[in-house]
C-alpha atoms as a PDB file:
ATOM      1  CA  MET A   1      79.097  22.493  -3.513  1.00  0.00           C
ATOM      2  CA  LYS A   2      78.268  18.863  -4.060  1.00  0.00           C
ATOM      3  CA  ASN A   3      76.247  18.804  -0.885  1.00  0.00           C
ATOM      4  CA  PHE A   4      74.467  22.018  -1.832  1.00  0.00           C
ATOM      5  CA  ILE A   5      73.401  20.633  -5.223  1.00  0.00           C
ATOM      6  CA  ALA A   6      72.263  17.392  -3.593  1.00  0.00           C
ATOM      7  CA  LEU A   7      70.355  19.325  -0.960  1.00  0.00           C
ATOM      8  CA  LEU A   8      68.815  21.560  -3.656  1.00  0.00           C
ATOM      9  CA  LEU A   9      67.717  18.490  -5.650  1.00  0.00           C
ATOM     10  CA  ILE A  10      66.173  16.905  -2.542  1.00  0.00           C
ATOM     11  CA  VAL A  11      64.269  20.104  -1.713  1.00  0.00           C
ATOM     12  CA  ALA A  12      63.181  20.452  -5.364  1.00  0.00           C
ATOM     13  CA  SER A  13      61.969  16.851  -5.452  1.00  0.00           C
ATOM     14  CA  ILE A  14      60.005  17.349  -2.208  1.00  0.00           C
ATOM     15  CA  GLY A  15      58.478  20.550  -3.653  1.00  0.00           C
ATOM     16  CA  VAL A  16      57.584  18.792  -6.900  1.00  0.00           C
ATOM     17  CA  PHE A  17      56.015  15.967  -4.885  1.00  0.00           C
ATOM     18  CA  TYR A  18      53.872  18.304  -2.758  1.00  0.00           C
ATOM     19  CA  TYR A  19      52.917  20.805  -5.445  1.00  0.00           C
ATOM     20  CA  ILE A  20      52.559  18.595  -8.499  1.00  0.00           C
ATOM     21  CA  ALA A  21      52.360  14.900  -7.599  1.00  0.00           C
ATOM     22  CA  THR A  22      50.033  15.197  -4.576  1.00  0.00           C
ATOM     23  CA  PRO A  23      47.255  17.069  -6.452  1.00  0.00           C
ATOM     24  CA  LEU A  24      47.591  14.657  -9.372  1.00  0.00           C
ATOM     25  CA  TYR A  25      47.443  11.726  -6.964  1.00  0.00           C
ATOM     26  CA  GLY A  26      44.249  13.189  -5.466  1.00  0.00           C
ATOM     27  CA  GLU A  27      42.721  13.477  -8.945  1.00  0.00           C
ATOM     28  CA  VAL A  28      43.717   9.884  -9.688  1.00  0.00           C
ATOM     29  CA  GLN A  29      42.029   8.732  -6.444  1.00  0.00           C
ATOM     30  CA  ALA A  30      38.853  10.660  -7.360  1.00  0.00           C
ATOM     31  CA  LEU A  31      38.876   9.122 -10.826  1.00  0.00           C
ATOM     32  CA  ARG A  32      39.329   5.650  -9.322  1.00  0.00           C
ATOM     33  CA  SER A  33      36.300   6.129  -7.041  1.00  0.00           C
ATOM     34  CA  THR A  34      34.272   7.434 -10.006  1.00  0.00           C
ATOM     35  CA  LYS A  35      35.369   4.403 -12.024  1.00  0.00           C
ATOM     36  CA  ALA A  36      34.279   2.116  -9.167  1.00  0.00           C
ATOM     37  CA  GLU A  37      30.850   3.800  -9.112  1.00  0.00           C
ATOM     38  CA  TYR A  38      30.530   3.369 -12.881  1.00  0.00           C
ATOM     39  CA  ASP A  39      31.570  -0.282 -12.631  1.00  0.00           C
ATOM     40  CA  GLN A  40      28.954  -0.830  -9.933  1.00  0.00           C
ATOM     41  CA  ALA A  41      26.287   0.902 -12.040  1.00  0.00           C
ATOM     42  CA  LEU A  42      27.297  -1.206 -15.034  1.00  0.00           C
ATOM     43  CA  SER A  43      26.986  -4.432 -13.043  1.00  0.00           C
ATOM     44  CA  ARG A  44      23.542  -3.342 -11.761  1.00  0.00           C
ATOM     45  CA  SER A  45      22.547  -2.513 -15.327  1.00  0.00           C
ATOM     46  CA  GLN A  46      23.637  -5.963 -16.474  1.00  0.00           C
ATOM     47  CA  GLU A  47      21.649  -7.564 -13.633  1.00  0.00           C
ATOM     48  CA  ALA A  48      18.598  -5.504 -14.604  1.00  0.00           C
ATOM     49  CA  GLN A  49      19.042  -6.604 -18.215  1.00  0.00           C
ATOM     50  CA  LYS A  50      19.086 -10.259 -17.095  1.00  0.00           C
ATOM     51  CA  VAL A  51      15.930  -9.747 -15.033  1.00  0.00           C
ATOM     52  CA  ARG A  52      14.281  -7.997 -17.996  1.00  0.00           C
ATOM     53  CA  GLN A  53      15.178 -10.885 -20.307  1.00  0.00           C
ATOM     54  CA  ALA A  54      13.851 -13.414 -17.782  1.00  0.00           C
ATOM     55  CA  LEU A  55      10.578 -11.475 -17.462  1.00  0.00           C
ATOM     56  CA  GLU A  56      10.323 -11.144 -21.222  1.00  0.00           C
ATOM     57  CA  THR A  57      10.803 -14.898 -21.560  1.00  0.00           C
ATOM     58  CA  LYS A  58       8.065 -15.501 -18.974  1.00  0.00           C
ATOM     59  CA  TYR A  59       5.748 -13.034 -20.751  1.00  0.00           C
ATOM     60  CA  ASN A  60       6.359 -14.707 -24.116  1.00  0.00           C
ATOM     61  CA  SER A  61       5.575 -18.103 -22.594  1.00  0.00           C
ATOM     62  CA  ILE A  62       2.047 -16.953 -21.638  1.00  0.00           C
ATOM     63  CA  SER A  63      -0.503 -18.233 -24.112  1.00  0.00           C
ATOM     64  CA  VAL A  64      -2.588 -15.820 -26.174  1.00  0.00           C
ATOM     65  CA  GLU A  65      -5.737 -17.074 -24.453  1.00  0.00           C
ATOM     66  CA  ASN A  66      -4.316 -16.288 -21.016  1.00  0.00           C
ATOM     67  CA  LEU A  67      -3.144 -12.859 -22.183  1.00  0.00           C
ATOM     68  CA  ASP A  68      -6.682 -12.133 -23.368  1.00  0.00           C
ATOM     69  CA  ARG A  69      -8.014 -13.245 -19.993  1.00  0.00           C
ATOM     70  CA  LEU A  70      -5.486 -11.006 -18.248  1.00  0.00           C
ATOM     71  CA  ARG A  71      -6.529  -8.062 -20.420  1.00  0.00           C
ATOM     72  CA  SER A  72     -10.159  -8.786 -19.511  1.00  0.00           C
ATOM     73  CA  PHE A  73      -9.250  -8.859 -15.832  1.00  0.00           C
ATOM     74  CA  LEU A  74      -7.411  -5.529 -15.884  1.00  0.00           C
ATOM     75  CA  PRO A  75      -7.720  -3.766 -19.255  1.00  0.00           C
ATOM     76  CA  ASP A  76      -5.533  -0.858 -20.312  1.00  0.00           C
ATOM     77  CA  HIS A  77      -8.548   1.458 -20.686  1.00  0.00           C
ATOM     78  CA  ILE A  78     -12.172   1.560 -19.557  1.00  0.00           C
ATOM     79  CA  ASP A  79     -14.440   0.237 -22.272  1.00  0.00           C
ATOM     80  CA  ASN A  80     -17.915   1.324 -21.138  1.00  0.00           C
ATOM     81  CA  ILE A  81     -19.843  -0.375 -23.909  1.00  0.00           C
ATOM     82  CA  ARG A  82     -18.071  -3.718 -23.613  1.00  0.00           C
ATOM     83  CA  LEU A  83     -18.445  -3.677 -19.816  1.00  0.00           C
ATOM     84  CA  ILE A  84     -22.204  -3.047 -20.011  1.00  0.00           C
ATOM     85  CA  ILE A  85     -22.605  -5.707 -22.729  1.00  0.00           C
ATOM     86  CA  GLU A  86     -20.679  -8.182 -20.592  1.00  0.00           C
ATOM     87  CA  ILE A  87     -22.914  -7.508 -17.576  1.00  0.00           C
ATOM     88  CA  ASP A  88     -26.040  -7.675 -19.742  1.00  0.00           C
ATOM     89  CA  LYS A  89     -24.895 -11.054 -21.095  1.00  0.00           C
ATOM     90  CA  ILE A  90     -24.499 -12.366 -17.540  1.00  0.00           C
ATOM     91  CA  ALA A  91     -27.911 -10.985 -16.567  1.00  0.00           C
ATOM     92  CA  GLY A  92     -29.467 -12.524 -19.705  1.00  0.00           C
ATOM     93  CA  ARG A  93     -28.605 -16.011 -18.445  1.00  0.00           C
ATOM     94  CA  TYR A  94     -31.209 -15.472 -15.716  1.00  0.00           C
ATOM     95  CA  ASN A  95     -33.820 -13.658 -17.837  1.00  0.00           C
ATOM     96  CA  MET A  96     -32.763 -10.334 -16.328  1.00  0.00           C
ATOM     97  CA  THR A  97     -31.977  -7.207 -18.322  1.00  0.00           C
ATOM     98  CA  VAL A  98     -29.703  -4.338 -17.403  1.00  0.00           C
ATOM     99  CA  SER A  99     -31.352  -0.925 -17.359  1.00  0.00           C
ATOM    100  CA  ASN A 100     -30.359   2.612 -16.372  1.00  0.00           C
ATOM    101  CA  ALA A 101     -26.667   1.859 -16.815  1.00  0.00           C
ATOM    102  CA  GLN A 102     -24.361   4.793 -16.104  1.00  0.00           C
ATOM    103  CA  VAL A 103     -20.570   4.783 -16.101  1.00  0.00           C
ATOM    104  CA  THR A 104     -18.821   7.536 -14.175  1.00  0.00           C
ATOM    105  CA  VAL A 105     -15.107   8.146 -14.576  1.00  0.00           C
ATOM    106  CA  PRO A 106     -13.493  10.697 -12.260  1.00  0.00           C
ATOM    107  CA  GLN A 107     -11.882  13.704 -13.931  1.00  0.00           C
ATOM    108  CA  SER A 108      -8.149  13.516 -14.515  1.00  0.00           C
ATOM    109  CA  ASN A 109      -6.023  14.972 -11.790  1.00  0.00           C
ATOM    110  CA  THR A 110      -5.558  18.497 -13.039  1.00  0.00           C
ATOM    111  CA  SER A 111      -5.968  21.652 -11.057  1.00  0.00           C
ATOM    112  CA  SER A 112      -5.661  25.162 -12.399  1.00  0.00           C
ATOM    113  CA  ASN A 113      -7.479  28.434 -12.070  1.00  0.00           C
ATOM    114  CA  ASN A 114      -6.954  29.122 -15.747  1.00  0.00           C
ATOM    115  CA  PRO A 115      -8.956  26.724 -17.951  1.00  0.00           C
ATOM    116  CA  ASN A 116      -6.369  27.080 -20.725  1.00  0.00           C
ATOM    117  CA  GLU A 117      -3.549  25.989 -18.415  1.00  0.00           C
ATOM    118  CA  ALA A 118      -3.531  22.582 -16.738  1.00  0.00           C
ATOM    119  CA  THR A 119      -1.225  21.672 -13.903  1.00  0.00           C
ATOM    120  CA  ILE A 120      -0.753  17.962 -13.530  1.00  0.00           C
ATOM    121  CA  VAL A 121      -0.756  16.650  -9.990  1.00  0.00           C
ATOM    122  CA  GLU A 122       1.469  13.610  -9.586  1.00  0.00           C
ATOM    123  CA  GLU A 123      -0.467  10.472  -8.757  1.00  0.00           C
ATOM    124  CA  PRO A 124       1.239   7.421  -7.277  1.00  0.00           C
ATOM    125  CA  MET A 125      -1.339   4.945  -8.606  1.00  0.00           C
ATOM    126  CA  VAL A 126      -0.933   3.245 -11.962  1.00  0.00           C
ATOM    127  CA  TYR A 127      -4.575   2.285 -12.309  1.00  0.00           C
ATOM    128  CA  GLY A 128      -7.801   4.158 -12.895  1.00  0.00           C
ATOM    129  CA  THR A 129     -11.156   3.655 -11.217  1.00  0.00           C
ATOM    130  CA  GLY A 130     -14.631   4.030 -12.681  1.00  0.00           C
ATOM    131  CA  LYS A 131     -18.074   3.570 -11.173  1.00  0.00           C
ATOM    132  CA  LEU A 132     -20.924   1.720 -12.877  1.00  0.00           C
ATOM    133  CA  ASN A 133     -24.524   2.045 -11.688  1.00  0.00           C
ATOM    134  CA  PHE A 134     -27.294  -0.091 -13.173  1.00  0.00           C
ATOM    135  CA  SER A 135     -30.569  -1.822 -12.337  1.00  0.00           C
ATOM    136  CA  VAL A 136     -31.805  -5.379 -12.885  1.00  0.00           C
ATOM    137  CA  SER A 137     -35.165  -6.951 -12.069  1.00  0.00           C
ATOM    138  CA  GLY A 138     -35.805 -10.521 -10.993  1.00  0.00           C
ATOM    139  CA  THR A 139     -36.359 -12.878  -8.126  1.00  0.00           C
ATOM    140  CA  TYR A 140     -33.955 -13.181  -5.258  1.00  0.00           C
ATOM    141  CA  ASP A 141     -32.686 -16.545  -6.532  1.00  0.00           C
ATOM    142  CA  GLU A 142     -32.052 -15.039  -9.981  1.00  0.00           C
ATOM    143  CA  TYR A 143     -30.265 -12.146  -8.327  1.00  0.00           C
ATOM    144  CA  LEU A 144     -28.040 -14.461  -6.272  1.00  0.00           C
ATOM    145  CA  SER A 145     -27.131 -16.470  -9.360  1.00  0.00           C
ATOM    146  CA  PHE A 146     -26.439 -13.250 -11.259  1.00  0.00           C
ATOM    147  CA  ILE A 147     -24.147 -11.936  -8.496  1.00  0.00           C
ATOM    148  CA  LYS A 148     -22.281 -15.264  -8.325  1.00  0.00           C
ATOM    149  CA  ASP A 149     -21.642 -15.164 -12.064  1.00  0.00           C
ATOM    150  CA  LEU A 150     -20.661 -11.498 -11.857  1.00  0.00           C
ATOM    151  CA  GLU A 151     -18.276 -12.353  -9.045  1.00  0.00           C
ATOM    152  CA  GLN A 152     -16.674 -15.101 -11.144  1.00  0.00           C
ATOM    153  CA  SER A 153     -16.332 -13.003 -14.276  1.00  0.00           C
ATOM    154  CA  LEU A 154     -12.835 -12.087 -15.356  1.00  0.00           C
ATOM    155  CA  ARG A 155     -13.361  -8.342 -14.923  1.00  0.00           C
ATOM    156  CA  LEU A 156     -12.042  -6.904 -11.666  1.00  0.00           C
ATOM    157  CA  ILE A 157     -14.952  -5.240  -9.875  1.00  0.00           C
ATOM    158  CA  ASN A 158     -15.814  -4.155  -6.367  1.00  0.00           C
ATOM    159  CA  ILE A 159     -19.524  -3.929  -5.540  1.00  0.00           C
ATOM    160  CA  THR A 160     -20.016  -0.810  -3.436  1.00  0.00           C
ATOM    161  CA  SER A 161     -23.783  -0.718  -2.948  1.00  0.00           C
ATOM    162  CA  VAL A 162     -26.934  -2.711  -3.593  1.00  0.00           C
ATOM    163  CA  SER A 163     -30.480  -1.547  -2.971  1.00  0.00           C
ATOM    164  CA  LEU A 164     -33.727  -3.239  -3.808  1.00  0.00           C
ATOM    165  CA  THR A 165     -37.302  -2.229  -4.292  1.00  0.00           C
ATOM    166  CA  THR A 166     -40.342  -4.316  -5.068  1.00  0.00           C
ATOM    167  CA  GLY A 167     -41.230  -4.438  -8.715  1.00  0.00           C
ATOM    168  CA  THR A 168     -42.275  -6.782 -11.473  1.00  0.00           C
ATOM    169  CA  SER A 169     -40.155  -8.907 -13.715  1.00  0.00           C
ATOM    170  CA  SER A 170     -41.273 -10.759 -16.806  1.00  0.00           C
ATOM    171  CA  SER A 171     -39.482 -13.893 -15.612  1.00  0.00           C
ATOM    172  CA  SER A 172     -41.076 -13.886 -12.176  1.00  0.00           C
ATOM    173  CA  LYS A 173     -44.641 -12.727 -12.706  1.00  0.00           C
ATOM    174  CA  GLU A 174     -45.899 -16.136 -11.687  1.00  0.00           C
ATOM    175  CA  SER A 175     -44.045 -16.136  -8.394  1.00  0.00           C
ATOM    176  CA  GLY A 176     -44.822 -12.540  -7.423  1.00  0.00           C
ATOM    177  CA  ASN A 177     -41.389 -12.248  -5.791  1.00  0.00           C
ATOM    178  CA  ALA A 178     -39.907  -9.734  -8.198  1.00  0.00           C
ATOM    179  CA  TYR A 179     -37.525  -7.056  -7.026  1.00  0.00           C
ATOM    180  CA  GLU A 180     -35.623  -4.303  -8.739  1.00  0.00           C
ATOM    181  CA  TYR A 181     -31.960  -4.288  -7.702  1.00  0.00           C
ATOM    182  CA  LYS A 182     -29.889  -1.132  -8.068  1.00  0.00           C
ATOM    183  CA  ILE A 183     -26.253  -2.125  -8.093  1.00  0.00           C
ATOM    184  CA  SER A 184     -23.216   0.116  -7.997  1.00  0.00           C
ATOM    185  CA  PHE A 185     -19.645  -1.096  -8.359  1.00  0.00           C
ATOM    186  CA  ASP A 186     -16.152   0.144  -9.032  1.00  0.00           C
ATOM    187  CA  THR A 187     -14.109  -1.197 -11.923  1.00  0.00           C
ATOM    188  CA  TYR A 188     -10.427  -0.740 -12.595  1.00  0.00           C
ATOM    189  CA  TRP A 189      -8.024  -0.429 -15.512  1.00  0.00           C
ATOM    190  CA  LEU A 190      -4.322   0.184 -16.029  1.00  0.00           C
ATOM    191  CA  LYS A 191      -3.253   3.718 -16.865  1.00  0.00           C
END
């Protein structure tokens, strides 16, 4: 009888191990792997926090003047009036005036057959593009100086086309070498 009870206890312990302990051990292993994933995510989060703090420190070390220059270079919205005034100011240095200025901003990326319902199409870019067309009149030397100053302005622009026709300019009537320049360029801003 002693051997039977011992054998029964051994069989019961093996049954308990396979039916109770093994599934619990599997759950414990799954929880350990989940814990490891959470620990890894936590360490990545802490690294990201350190990088964020370092970038914030760098950003705070930038002077107000340089921040203003950076905002002029790539503003957070298109400011049509300020852009035209800025170009007119540059042209004024060479006795040229801006005329026929037109700013064109492409429509937002929505497509829908129903005008009351807009479906937003995802766009990978984080900047917007606008086109400015305008005319200036002056001599070729004035034009070159104007373009050099425009090129060195803080605003990010990309001249896409230039055409010229003969015309008259108040600053170049004596020379007779007046041209009308039609300039088109793209400008950018952060969305």
